[in-house]
N, C-alpha and C. Protein backbone atom coordinates (compact mmCIF):
# COMPACT_ATOMS: atom_id res chain seq x y z
N UNK A 1 0.68 -1.15 0.12
CA UNK A 1 -0.14 0.00 -0.19
C UNK A 1 0.97 1.03 -0.13
N UNK A 2 0.37 2.21 -0.75
CA UNK A 2 1.06 3.33 -0.76
C UNK A 2 0.75 4.59 0.00
N UNK A 3 1.66 5.19 0.99
CA UNK A 3 1.04 6.79 1.62
C UNK A 3 1.69 7.67 0.93
N UNK A 4 0.25 8.28 0.77
CA UNK A 4 0.34 9.89 -0.07
C UNK A 4 0.97 10.62 1.25
N UNK A 5 2.27 11.36 0.83
CA UNK A 5 2.18 12.48 1.80
C UNK A 5 1.72 13.68 1.47
N UNK A 6 0.37 13.75 1.16
CA UNK A 6 -0.40 15.34 0.97
C UNK A 6 -1.85 14.81 0.99
N UNK A 7 -2.52 16.19 0.99
CA UNK A 7 -3.70 16.16 1.33
C UNK A 7 -4.30 16.76 0.36
N UNK A 8 -3.80 16.53 -0.67
CA UNK A 8 -4.19 17.46 -1.98
C UNK A 8 -5.55 16.46 -2.47
N UNK A 9 -7.23 17.08 -2.63
CA UNK A 9 -8.17 16.22 -3.15
C UNK A 9 -7.84 16.00 -4.53
N UNK A 10 -6.84 16.69 -5.58
CA UNK A 10 -6.55 16.32 -6.87
C UNK A 10 -5.96 14.90 -7.04
N UNK A 11 -4.88 14.78 -6.01
CA UNK A 11 -3.94 13.75 -5.90
C UNK A 11 -5.06 12.49 -5.63
N UNK A 12 -5.39 12.69 -4.70
CA UNK A 12 -6.37 11.64 -3.90
C UNK A 12 -7.56 10.98 -5.12
N UNK A 13 -7.93 12.04 -5.75
CA UNK A 13 -8.49 11.18 -7.18
C UNK A 13 -8.03 10.59 -8.00
N UNK A 14 -6.81 11.41 -8.41
CA UNK A 14 -6.20 10.84 -9.58
C UNK A 14 -5.60 9.31 -9.24
N UNK A 15 -5.28 9.15 -7.53
CA UNK A 15 -5.13 7.78 -7.09
C UNK A 15 -6.27 6.85 -7.53
N UNK A 16 -7.33 7.24 -6.73
CA UNK A 16 -8.35 6.46 -6.83
C UNK A 16 -8.99 6.34 -8.28
N UNK A 17 -8.75 7.05 -8.84
CA UNK A 17 -9.01 6.83 -10.37
C UNK A 17 -8.21 5.64 -10.94
N UNK A 18 -7.24 5.20 -10.60
CA UNK A 18 -6.34 4.09 -11.03
C UNK A 18 -6.41 3.28 -10.13
N UNK A 19 -7.21 3.02 -9.23
CA UNK A 19 -7.48 1.89 -8.23
C UNK A 19 -6.58 1.59 -7.35
N UNK A 20 -5.64 2.75 -7.55
CA UNK A 20 -4.17 2.47 -5.94
C UNK A 20 -4.85 2.87 -4.69
N UNK A 21 -4.51 1.55 -4.23
CA UNK A 21 -4.80 1.50 -2.59
C UNK A 21 -3.78 2.30 -2.19
N UNK A 22 -3.97 3.31 -0.88
CA UNK A 22 -3.26 4.22 -0.45
C UNK A 22 -3.81 4.81 0.75
N UNK A 23 -2.95 5.21 1.55
CA UNK A 23 -3.66 6.12 2.93
C UNK A 23 -3.01 7.12 2.90
N UNK A 24 -3.20 8.37 3.26
CA UNK A 24 -3.40 9.64 2.83
C UNK A 24 -2.34 10.12 4.59
N UNK A 25 -0.91 10.62 4.57
CA UNK A 25 -0.11 11.12 5.53
C UNK A 25 0.56 12.37 5.17
N UNK A 26 -0.66 13.64 5.22
CA UNK A 26 -0.11 14.45 4.95
C UNK A 26 1.31 15.02 5.81
N UNK A 27 2.12 15.72 4.78
CA UNK A 27 3.53 15.77 5.64
C UNK A 27 3.44 17.28 6.07
N UNK A 28 4.31 17.53 7.00
CA UNK A 28 4.25 18.87 7.42
C UNK A 28 5.77 19.04 7.64
N UNK A 29 6.09 19.60 6.52
CA UNK A 29 7.65 19.77 6.36
C UNK A 29 7.53 21.34 5.89
N UNK A 30 9.19 22.18 6.17
CA UNK A 30 9.36 23.54 5.52
C UNK A 30 9.52 23.17 3.99
N UNK A 31 8.60 23.60 3.10
CA UNK A 31 9.08 23.49 1.87
C UNK A 31 10.21 24.39 0.98
N UNK A 32 10.79 24.40 0.29
CA UNK A 32 11.39 25.25 -0.18
C UNK A 32 10.94 26.06 -1.42
N UNK A 33 11.38 27.65 -1.43
CA UNK A 33 10.60 28.08 -2.36
C UNK A 33 11.71 28.69 -3.37
N UNK A 34 11.05 29.56 -4.04
CA UNK A 34 11.47 30.08 -5.41
C UNK A 34 13.06 30.71 -4.92
N UNK A 35 12.93 31.32 -3.79
CA UNK A 35 14.09 31.98 -3.29
C UNK A 35 15.36 31.08 -3.02
N UNK A 36 14.82 29.86 -2.54
CA UNK A 36 15.95 29.00 -2.12
C UNK A 36 16.40 28.14 -3.18
N UNK A 37 15.39 27.88 -4.02
CA UNK A 37 16.04 27.14 -5.18
C UNK A 37 15.22 27.78 -6.89
N UNK A 38 15.82 28.85 -7.75
CA UNK A 38 14.88 29.19 -8.41
C UNK A 38 15.13 28.52 -9.74
N UNK A 39 15.47 27.34 -9.79
CA UNK A 39 14.95 26.50 -10.96
C UNK A 39 13.64 25.91 -10.62
N UNK A 40 12.76 25.73 -11.31
CA UNK A 40 11.49 25.06 -11.20
C UNK A 40 11.54 23.29 -10.96
N UNK A 41 12.28 23.03 -11.70
CA UNK A 41 12.55 21.49 -11.63
C UNK A 41 12.83 20.72 -10.65
N UNK A 42 14.11 21.59 -10.43
CA UNK A 42 14.88 21.16 -8.95
C UNK A 42 14.16 21.46 -7.95
N UNK A 43 13.66 22.35 -7.91
CA UNK A 43 12.59 23.07 -6.78
C UNK A 43 11.19 21.92 -6.46
N UNK A 44 10.60 21.60 -7.58
CA UNK A 44 9.81 20.52 -7.22
C UNK A 44 10.38 19.12 -6.90
N UNK A 45 11.24 18.77 -7.33
CA UNK A 45 11.95 17.67 -6.99
C UNK A 45 12.37 17.63 -5.72
N UNK A 46 12.79 18.73 -4.96
CA UNK A 46 13.38 18.74 -4.00
C UNK A 46 12.41 18.65 -2.94
N UNK A 47 11.08 19.80 -3.23
CA UNK A 47 9.90 19.56 -2.08
C UNK A 47 9.19 18.12 -2.18
N UNK A 48 9.28 17.29 -3.21
CA UNK A 48 8.46 16.27 -3.10
C UNK A 48 9.31 15.10 -2.28
N UNK A 49 10.70 15.33 -2.39
CA UNK A 49 11.43 14.18 -1.23
C UNK A 49 11.40 14.96 0.05
N UNK A 50 11.36 16.31 0.33
CA UNK A 50 11.24 16.63 1.44
C UNK A 50 10.10 16.12 2.28
N UNK A 51 8.64 16.43 1.44
CA UNK A 51 7.65 15.74 1.59
C UNK A 51 7.61 14.10 2.03
N UNK A 52 8.19 13.23 1.24
CA UNK A 52 7.91 12.24 1.73
C UNK A 52 8.94 11.58 2.69
N UNK A 53 9.95 12.25 2.94
CA UNK A 53 10.52 12.15 4.32
C UNK A 53 10.14 12.60 5.28
N UNK A 54 9.29 13.32 5.04
CA UNK A 54 8.77 14.08 6.54
C UNK A 54 7.19 13.11 7.05
N UNK A 55 7.14 12.11 5.74
CA UNK A 55 5.81 11.37 6.43
C UNK A 55 6.18 9.91 6.39
N UNK A 56 7.74 10.03 6.94
CA UNK A 56 7.84 8.15 7.10
C UNK A 56 7.68 7.83 8.76
N UNK A 57 7.24 6.58 8.31
CA UNK A 57 7.21 6.57 9.63
C UNK A 57 8.08 5.33 10.19
N UNK A 58 9.21 5.62 11.30
CA UNK A 58 10.02 4.97 11.56
C UNK A 58 9.53 3.68 12.03
N UNK A 59 8.26 3.91 12.71
CA UNK A 59 7.79 2.21 13.24
C UNK A 59 7.46 1.34 11.95
N UNK A 60 7.46 1.86 10.66
CA UNK A 60 6.94 1.08 9.56
C UNK A 60 7.82 1.16 8.34
N UNK A 61 9.31 0.92 8.97
CA UNK A 61 10.37 1.47 7.60
C UNK A 61 9.89 0.42 6.16
N UNK A 62 9.18 -0.22 5.65
CA UNK A 62 8.64 -1.23 4.74
C UNK A 62 7.62 -0.40 4.01
N UNK A 63 7.19 1.12 4.33
CA UNK A 63 5.98 1.37 3.75
C UNK A 63 6.80 2.29 2.36
N UNK A 64 5.81 2.50 1.52
CA UNK A 64 6.14 3.25 0.45
C UNK A 64 5.75 4.41 0.42
N UNK A 65 6.34 5.35 0.57
CA UNK A 65 5.58 6.81 0.64
C UNK A 65 5.77 7.56 -0.38
N UNK A 66 4.79 8.39 -1.01
CA UNK A 66 4.79 9.35 -2.52
C UNK A 66 4.71 10.70 -1.87
N UNK A 67 5.84 11.17 -2.23
CA UNK A 67 5.61 12.88 -2.22
C UNK A 67 5.60 13.39 -3.62
N UNK A 68 4.84 14.65 -3.77
CA UNK A 68 4.77 15.33 -4.77
C UNK A 68 4.68 16.68 -4.60
N UNK A 69 4.94 17.57 -5.65
CA UNK A 69 5.17 19.37 -5.49
C UNK A 69 4.61 19.76 -6.68
N UNK A 70 3.90 20.57 -6.74
CA UNK A 70 3.76 20.96 -8.33
C UNK A 70 3.77 23.01 -8.44
N UNK A 71 4.67 22.95 -9.48
CA UNK A 71 4.50 24.84 -9.62
C UNK A 71 4.05 25.14 -11.22
N UNK A 72 4.00 26.47 -11.22
CA UNK A 72 3.70 27.16 -12.59
C UNK A 72 4.89 27.80 -12.71
N UNK A 73 5.63 27.72 -13.91
CA UNK A 73 6.53 28.37 -14.29
C UNK A 73 6.73 29.23 -15.27
N UNK A 74 6.68 30.64 -15.49
CA UNK A 74 6.61 31.46 -17.07
C UNK A 74 8.19 32.49 -17.03
N UNK A 75 8.98 31.89 -17.93
CA UNK A 75 10.14 32.75 -17.66
C UNK A 75 11.00 32.17 -16.85
N UNK A 76 11.24 33.46 -16.06
CA UNK A 76 12.01 33.08 -14.82
C UNK A 76 11.45 33.26 -13.27
N UNK A 77 10.19 33.04 -13.57
CA UNK A 77 9.25 33.14 -12.23
C UNK A 77 8.38 32.01 -11.95
N UNK A 78 8.23 31.71 -10.96
CA UNK A 78 7.73 30.19 -10.52
C UNK A 78 6.46 30.75 -9.67
N UNK A 79 5.48 30.24 -9.98
CA UNK A 79 4.04 30.91 -9.14
C UNK A 79 3.50 29.30 -8.60
N UNK A 80 3.27 29.51 -7.13
CA UNK A 80 2.83 28.44 -6.62
C UNK A 80 1.53 28.61 -6.23
N UNK A 81 0.70 28.35 -5.36
CA UNK A 81 -0.18 29.15 -5.00
C UNK A 81 -0.66 30.24 -4.34
N UNK A 82 -1.53 30.73 -4.81
CA UNK A 82 -1.89 32.38 -4.19
C UNK A 82 -2.02 32.74 -2.98
N UNK A 83 -1.67 33.36 -2.53
CA UNK A 83 -1.96 33.75 -1.04
C UNK A 83 -3.54 34.46 -0.76
N UNK A 84 -3.68 35.01 -1.56
CA UNK A 84 -5.03 35.79 -1.83
C UNK A 84 -5.69 36.05 -3.19
N UNK A 85 -6.53 36.80 -3.17
CA UNK A 85 -7.16 37.01 -4.38
C UNK A 85 -6.49 38.08 -5.29
N UNK A 86 -5.53 39.08 -4.80
CA UNK A 86 -4.67 40.14 -5.42
C UNK A 86 -3.73 39.23 -6.36
N UNK A 87 -2.94 38.39 -5.02
CA UNK A 87 -2.06 37.68 -5.95
C UNK A 87 -2.62 36.40 -7.20
N UNK A 88 -3.41 36.03 -7.01
CA UNK A 88 -4.28 35.25 -7.82
C UNK A 88 -4.77 35.89 -8.93
N UNK A 89 -4.89 37.29 -9.16
CA UNK A 89 -5.26 38.18 -10.28
C UNK A 89 -3.70 38.31 -11.02
N UNK A 90 -2.92 38.77 -9.87
CA UNK A 90 -1.62 38.95 -10.76
C UNK A 90 -0.90 38.06 -11.51
N UNK A 91 -1.09 36.36 -10.98
CA UNK A 91 -0.38 35.23 -11.50
C UNK A 91 -1.51 35.11 -12.74
N UNK A 92 -2.65 35.31 -12.69
CA UNK A 92 -3.46 34.87 -13.74
C UNK A 92 -3.37 36.28 -14.91
N UNK A 93 -3.05 37.50 -14.60
CA UNK A 93 -2.64 38.32 -15.64
C UNK A 93 -1.40 38.10 -16.18
N UNK A 94 -0.77 37.79 -15.60
CA UNK A 94 0.82 37.50 -16.12
C UNK A 94 1.18 35.92 -17.23
N UNK A 95 -0.02 35.14 -16.58
CA UNK A 95 -0.53 33.77 -17.75
C UNK A 95 -1.04 34.13 -18.94
N UNK A 96 -1.70 35.06 -18.75
CA UNK A 96 -2.55 35.44 -20.13
C UNK A 96 -2.55 35.41 -21.08
N UNK A 97 -2.30 34.58 -21.96
CA UNK A 97 -2.23 34.96 -23.79
C UNK A 97 -0.71 34.19 -23.69
N UNK A 98 -0.46 33.48 -22.97
CA UNK A 98 1.14 33.14 -22.87
C UNK A 98 1.09 31.60 -22.55
N UNK A 99 2.29 30.66 -23.05
CA UNK A 99 2.49 29.24 -22.69
C UNK A 99 3.33 29.23 -21.68
N UNK A 100 3.05 28.44 -20.57
CA UNK A 100 3.93 28.47 -19.45
C UNK A 100 4.15 26.99 -19.32
N UNK A 101 5.00 26.77 -18.30
CA UNK A 101 5.21 25.31 -18.03
C UNK A 101 4.53 24.79 -16.59
N UNK A 102 3.96 23.50 -16.13
CA UNK A 102 3.50 22.98 -15.16
C UNK A 102 4.58 21.83 -14.87
N UNK A 103 5.12 22.10 -13.68
CA UNK A 103 6.46 21.13 -13.01
C UNK A 103 5.89 20.23 -11.89
N UNK A 104 5.89 19.03 -11.97
CA UNK A 104 5.65 18.51 -11.11
C UNK A 104 6.64 17.41 -10.55
N UNK A 105 7.51 17.25 -9.38
CA UNK A 105 8.02 16.17 -8.78
C UNK A 105 7.30 15.41 -8.35
N UNK A 106 7.92 14.21 -8.28
CA UNK A 106 7.22 13.25 -7.42
C UNK A 106 8.31 12.07 -6.96
N UNK A 107 8.53 11.43 -5.71
CA UNK A 107 9.50 11.08 -5.28
C UNK A 107 8.78 10.07 -4.27
N UNK A 108 9.60 9.04 -4.82
CA UNK A 108 9.03 7.57 -3.89
C UNK A 108 10.29 7.03 -3.00
N UNK A 109 9.73 6.86 -1.54
CA UNK A 109 10.84 6.32 -0.81
C UNK A 109 10.11 5.03 -0.31
N UNK A 110 11.31 4.09 -0.57
CA UNK A 110 10.97 3.06 -0.49
C UNK A 110 12.15 2.20 0.14
N UNK A 111 12.17 1.33 1.64
CA UNK A 111 13.06 0.99 2.29
C UNK A 111 14.48 1.70 2.63
N UNK A 112 14.22 2.98 2.68
CA UNK A 112 15.07 4.12 2.64
C UNK A 112 15.69 4.77 1.36
N UNK A 113 15.43 4.22 0.54
CA UNK A 113 15.84 4.57 -0.83
C UNK A 113 14.76 5.02 -1.83
N UNK A 114 15.52 6.54 -2.27
CA UNK A 114 14.74 7.55 -3.05
C UNK A 114 14.67 7.72 -4.31
N UNK A 115 13.47 7.34 -4.94
CA UNK A 115 13.40 7.35 -6.31
C UNK A 115 12.65 8.64 -6.77
N UNK A 116 13.12 9.27 -7.82
CA UNK A 116 12.41 10.64 -8.41
C UNK A 116 12.45 10.82 -9.85
N UNK A 117 11.51 12.03 -9.49
CA UNK A 117 11.70 12.22 -11.30
C UNK A 117 10.53 13.45 -11.19
N UNK A 118 10.66 13.86 -12.71
CA UNK A 118 10.08 15.44 -12.73
C UNK A 118 8.92 15.34 -14.23
N UNK A 119 7.98 15.81 -14.00
CA UNK A 119 6.99 15.95 -15.70
C UNK A 119 6.82 17.21 -15.78
N UNK A 120 7.12 17.89 -17.09
CA UNK A 120 7.04 19.32 -17.24
C UNK A 120 5.82 19.11 -18.77
N UNK A 121 4.90 19.99 -18.28
CA UNK A 121 3.86 20.38 -19.44
C UNK A 121 4.02 21.76 -20.09
N UNK A 122 3.77 21.92 -21.04
CA UNK A 122 3.37 22.90 -21.53
C UNK A 122 2.06 23.54 -21.79
N UNK A 123 1.67 24.45 -21.01
CA UNK A 123 0.05 25.07 -21.24
C UNK A 123 0.06 26.53 -22.01
N UNK A 124 -0.74 26.72 -22.95
CA UNK A 124 -0.97 27.73 -23.81
C UNK A 124 -2.17 28.19 -22.88
N UNK A 125 -2.55 29.55 -22.17
CA UNK A 125 -3.78 30.14 -21.50
C UNK A 125 -4.20 31.05 -22.81
N UNK A 126 -5.68 31.12 -22.96
CA UNK A 126 -5.78 32.48 -23.92
C UNK A 126 -5.94 33.70 -23.39
N UNK A 127 -5.91 34.83 -23.91
CA UNK A 127 -5.76 36.07 -23.52
C UNK A 127 -6.83 36.19 -22.91
N UNK A 128 -6.93 36.61 -21.19
CA UNK A 128 -8.04 37.11 -20.31
C UNK A 128 -8.03 38.46 -20.09
N UNK A 129 -9.45 38.57 -20.36
CA UNK A 129 -9.88 40.32 -19.94
C UNK A 129 -9.93 40.17 -18.37
N UNK A 130 -9.52 41.37 -17.81
CA UNK A 130 -9.45 41.67 -16.37
C UNK A 130 -10.98 41.47 -15.75
N UNK A 131 -11.99 41.64 -16.42
CA UNK A 131 -13.16 40.98 -16.21
C UNK A 131 -13.33 39.57 -16.11
N UNK A 132 -12.78 38.98 -16.78
CA UNK A 132 -12.45 37.35 -16.85
C UNK A 132 -11.90 36.69 -15.83
N UNK A 133 -10.86 37.58 -15.55
CA UNK A 133 -10.32 37.17 -14.49
C UNK A 133 -10.87 37.45 -13.21
N UNK A 134 -11.51 38.63 -13.25
CA UNK A 134 -11.88 38.64 -11.77
C UNK A 134 -13.25 37.71 -11.60
N UNK A 135 -14.21 37.52 -12.45
CA UNK A 135 -15.15 36.52 -12.15
C UNK A 135 -14.57 35.11 -11.86
N UNK A 136 -13.71 34.80 -12.61
CA UNK A 136 -12.92 33.32 -12.19
C UNK A 136 -12.60 33.48 -10.85
N UNK A 137 -11.81 34.38 -10.12
CA UNK A 137 -11.77 34.51 -8.79
C UNK A 137 -12.58 34.46 -8.06
N UNK A 138 -13.51 35.23 -8.24
CA UNK A 138 -15.10 35.13 -7.44
C UNK A 138 -15.64 33.80 -7.41
N UNK A 139 -15.37 32.52 -7.83
CA UNK A 139 -15.32 31.27 -7.71
C UNK A 139 -15.10 30.68 -6.64
N UNK A 140 -13.79 31.15 -6.20
CA UNK A 140 -12.87 30.68 -5.11
C UNK A 140 -12.06 29.70 -5.83
N UNK A 141 -12.01 28.96 -6.68
CA UNK A 141 -11.35 27.79 -7.34
C UNK A 141 -9.52 28.04 -7.43
N UNK A 142 -9.16 29.35 -7.80
CA UNK A 142 -8.00 29.51 -7.81
C UNK A 142 -7.25 29.15 -6.39
N UNK A 143 -8.04 29.66 -5.16
CA UNK A 143 -7.20 29.57 -4.20
C UNK A 143 -6.28 28.81 -3.63
N UNK A 144 -6.75 27.20 -4.20
CA UNK A 144 -5.55 26.49 -3.65
C UNK A 144 -4.81 25.81 -4.82
N UNK A 145 -4.51 26.45 -5.93
CA UNK A 145 -3.74 25.74 -7.01
C UNK A 145 -2.61 26.54 -7.44
N UNK A 146 -1.49 25.80 -7.94
CA UNK A 146 -0.37 26.27 -8.51
C UNK A 146 -0.72 27.08 -9.95
N UNK A 147 -0.36 28.45 -9.62
CA UNK A 147 -1.00 29.37 -10.85
C UNK A 147 -2.06 29.73 -10.57
N UNK A 148 -2.98 29.61 -9.76
CA UNK A 148 -4.03 29.92 -9.48
C UNK A 148 -5.47 29.60 -10.62
N UNK A 149 -4.87 28.64 -11.01
CA UNK A 149 -5.89 27.96 -11.89
C UNK A 149 -6.43 26.67 -11.81
N UNK A 150 -7.32 26.05 -12.25
CA UNK A 150 -7.12 24.66 -12.11
C UNK A 150 -8.47 23.98 -13.34
N UNK A 151 -7.08 23.38 -14.32
CA UNK A 151 -7.48 22.73 -15.61
C UNK A 151 -8.65 22.13 -15.79
N UNK A 152 -8.87 21.22 -14.89
CA UNK A 152 -9.79 20.30 -14.84
C UNK A 152 -11.10 20.83 -14.02
N UNK A 153 -11.41 22.36 -13.86
CA UNK A 153 -12.35 22.86 -13.51
C UNK A 153 -13.23 23.85 -14.56
N UNK A 154 -13.19 25.00 -13.56
CA UNK A 154 -13.70 26.20 -14.34
C UNK A 154 -13.08 26.46 -15.56
N UNK A 155 -11.64 26.65 -15.01
CA UNK A 155 -10.43 27.71 -16.07
C UNK A 155 -10.20 26.52 -16.88
N UNK A 156 -10.73 25.62 -17.37
CA UNK A 156 -10.74 24.54 -18.77
C UNK A 156 -10.90 25.48 -19.90
N UNK A 157 -12.01 26.59 -19.39
CA UNK A 157 -12.27 27.08 -20.94
C UNK A 157 -11.46 28.30 -21.17
N UNK A 158 -10.60 28.66 -20.17
CA UNK A 158 -9.35 29.35 -20.64
C UNK A 158 -8.36 28.85 -21.59
N UNK A 159 -7.79 27.46 -21.28
CA UNK A 159 -6.87 26.71 -21.93
C UNK A 159 -6.95 26.64 -23.36
N UNK A 160 -5.73 26.96 -24.32
CA UNK A 160 -6.03 26.82 -25.90
C UNK A 160 -5.49 25.52 -26.07
N UNK A 161 -4.44 25.05 -25.42
CA UNK A 161 -3.77 23.93 -25.79
C UNK A 161 -2.78 23.39 -24.68
N UNK A 162 -2.58 22.15 -24.43
CA UNK A 162 -1.47 21.93 -23.97
C UNK A 162 -0.44 20.81 -24.92
N UNK A 163 0.58 20.75 -24.16
CA UNK A 163 1.78 19.78 -24.76
C UNK A 163 2.61 18.88 -23.57
N UNK A 164 1.95 17.64 -23.60
CA UNK A 164 2.57 17.08 -22.36
C UNK A 164 1.40 16.10 -21.60
N UNK A 165 1.61 16.02 -20.15
CA UNK A 165 0.77 15.20 -19.68
C UNK A 165 -0.34 15.98 -18.81
N UNK A 166 -1.66 15.69 -19.09
CA UNK A 166 -2.62 16.37 -19.05
C UNK A 166 -2.83 16.32 -17.17
N UNK A 167 -2.71 14.83 -16.79
CA UNK A 167 -2.56 14.75 -15.40
C UNK A 167 -1.54 15.46 -14.61
N UNK A 168 -0.86 15.69 -15.08
CA UNK A 168 0.73 16.78 -14.49
C UNK A 168 0.24 17.86 -14.15
N UNK A 169 -0.94 18.59 -15.01
CA UNK A 169 -1.19 20.07 -14.82
C UNK A 169 -2.39 19.86 -13.62
N UNK A 170 -3.00 18.47 -13.45
CA UNK A 170 -3.80 18.25 -12.28
C UNK A 170 -3.25 18.46 -11.19
N UNK A 171 -1.96 17.38 -11.13
CA UNK A 171 -1.60 17.71 -9.65
C UNK A 171 -0.53 16.65 -9.80
N UNK A 172 -0.99 15.50 -10.60
CA UNK A 172 -0.07 13.88 -10.35
C UNK A 172 -0.12 13.43 -11.93
N UNK A 173 1.63 13.18 -12.59
CA UNK A 173 1.47 13.03 -13.49
C UNK A 173 1.28 11.40 -13.68
N UNK A 174 0.50 10.57 -14.05
CA UNK A 174 0.21 9.17 -13.81
C UNK A 174 1.30 8.31 -14.56
N UNK A 175 1.47 8.63 -15.69
CA UNK A 175 2.45 7.94 -16.17
C UNK A 175 3.77 8.18 -15.78
N UNK A 176 3.85 9.42 -15.45
CA UNK A 176 5.53 9.35 -14.80
C UNK A 176 5.46 8.23 -13.37
N UNK A 177 4.39 8.75 -12.48
CA UNK A 177 4.06 7.88 -11.31
C UNK A 177 4.58 6.33 -11.83
N UNK A 178 3.84 5.39 -12.47
CA UNK A 178 4.17 4.49 -12.94
C UNK A 178 5.33 4.01 -13.41
N UNK A 179 5.69 4.71 -14.27
CA UNK A 179 7.24 4.34 -14.25
C UNK A 179 8.16 4.48 -13.60
N UNK A 180 7.87 5.19 -12.33
CA UNK A 180 8.61 5.28 -11.27
C UNK A 180 8.65 4.45 -10.40
N UNK A 181 7.27 3.82 -10.20
CA UNK A 181 6.81 2.79 -9.46
C UNK A 181 7.46 1.53 -9.88
N UNK A 182 7.59 1.33 -11.42
CA UNK A 182 8.30 0.33 -11.99
C UNK A 182 9.78 0.04 -11.57
N UNK A 183 10.56 1.39 -11.45
CA UNK A 183 11.68 1.44 -11.43
C UNK A 183 11.96 1.07 -9.90
N UNK A 184 11.24 1.59 -8.94
CA UNK A 184 11.27 1.07 -7.68
C UNK A 184 10.91 -0.21 -7.34
N UNK A 185 10.30 -0.87 -8.45
CA UNK A 185 9.51 -2.27 -7.73
C UNK A 185 8.53 -2.00 -6.98
N UNK A 186 7.40 -1.01 -7.18
CA UNK A 186 6.57 -1.15 -6.33
C UNK A 186 4.95 -1.20 -7.00
N UNK A 187 4.37 -2.03 -6.80
CA UNK A 187 2.96 -2.07 -7.75
C UNK A 187 1.67 -1.53 -7.39
N UNK A 188 1.52 -0.60 -8.14
CA UNK A 188 0.44 0.38 -8.18
C UNK A 188 -0.84 -0.35 -7.93
C-alpha cells in the first residue's frame, strides 16, 4: 500500500481513478521556495523528496511513501498557490495569452531508498480580460491551485492547448508515477 504524503484532493482523486490502494499521511515540512531554489524542476523535485521524508513512519520502515509538488513557471518566475485574491489576479494576468510550464516533482521512498522524477507540461492560456479574471477569482477555485487555476475545473475554458501530460497539470503525472513505481519495484 502506498502512503500519500499529501492532503491534495486532486492527487487523491487521481490515485483513486487508477484504483491505487493508498493512505493519506500529509507531511508537515518546511518546503523550499523559489528564493531557495530558482530552478522549477529542481524545486519541485526537492520539495517532493522533503514531503516524502517528512511522512516516513520510523515504526513502519517498509512503507512506500509518495511525495509530490507542483508549480507553474513562466520565464524566470515560479508561481505556487496564491496567498490571496490579489496575488491570484496578478498570476492569471501574467499567464494570460502565454505558454507556461507546469512542473511536478514526484518522489518515492522505499526501504530508505529515494526514487524521483519530474514531469513538465506546456500549457497555453488564452488572453484573458480583467473581467474574466475577476469573475474566475470570485468562484474561489484559484485559491489552492499552483498558478491560480484548475485545468480540470472552470479554468478549462481558458486553456487553448497543452503539450504533455494532462494529469501533470491536475497535480500528479500518472504515467510518470507508474514508470517510477516500476523502477522502484512498487506495484500500483
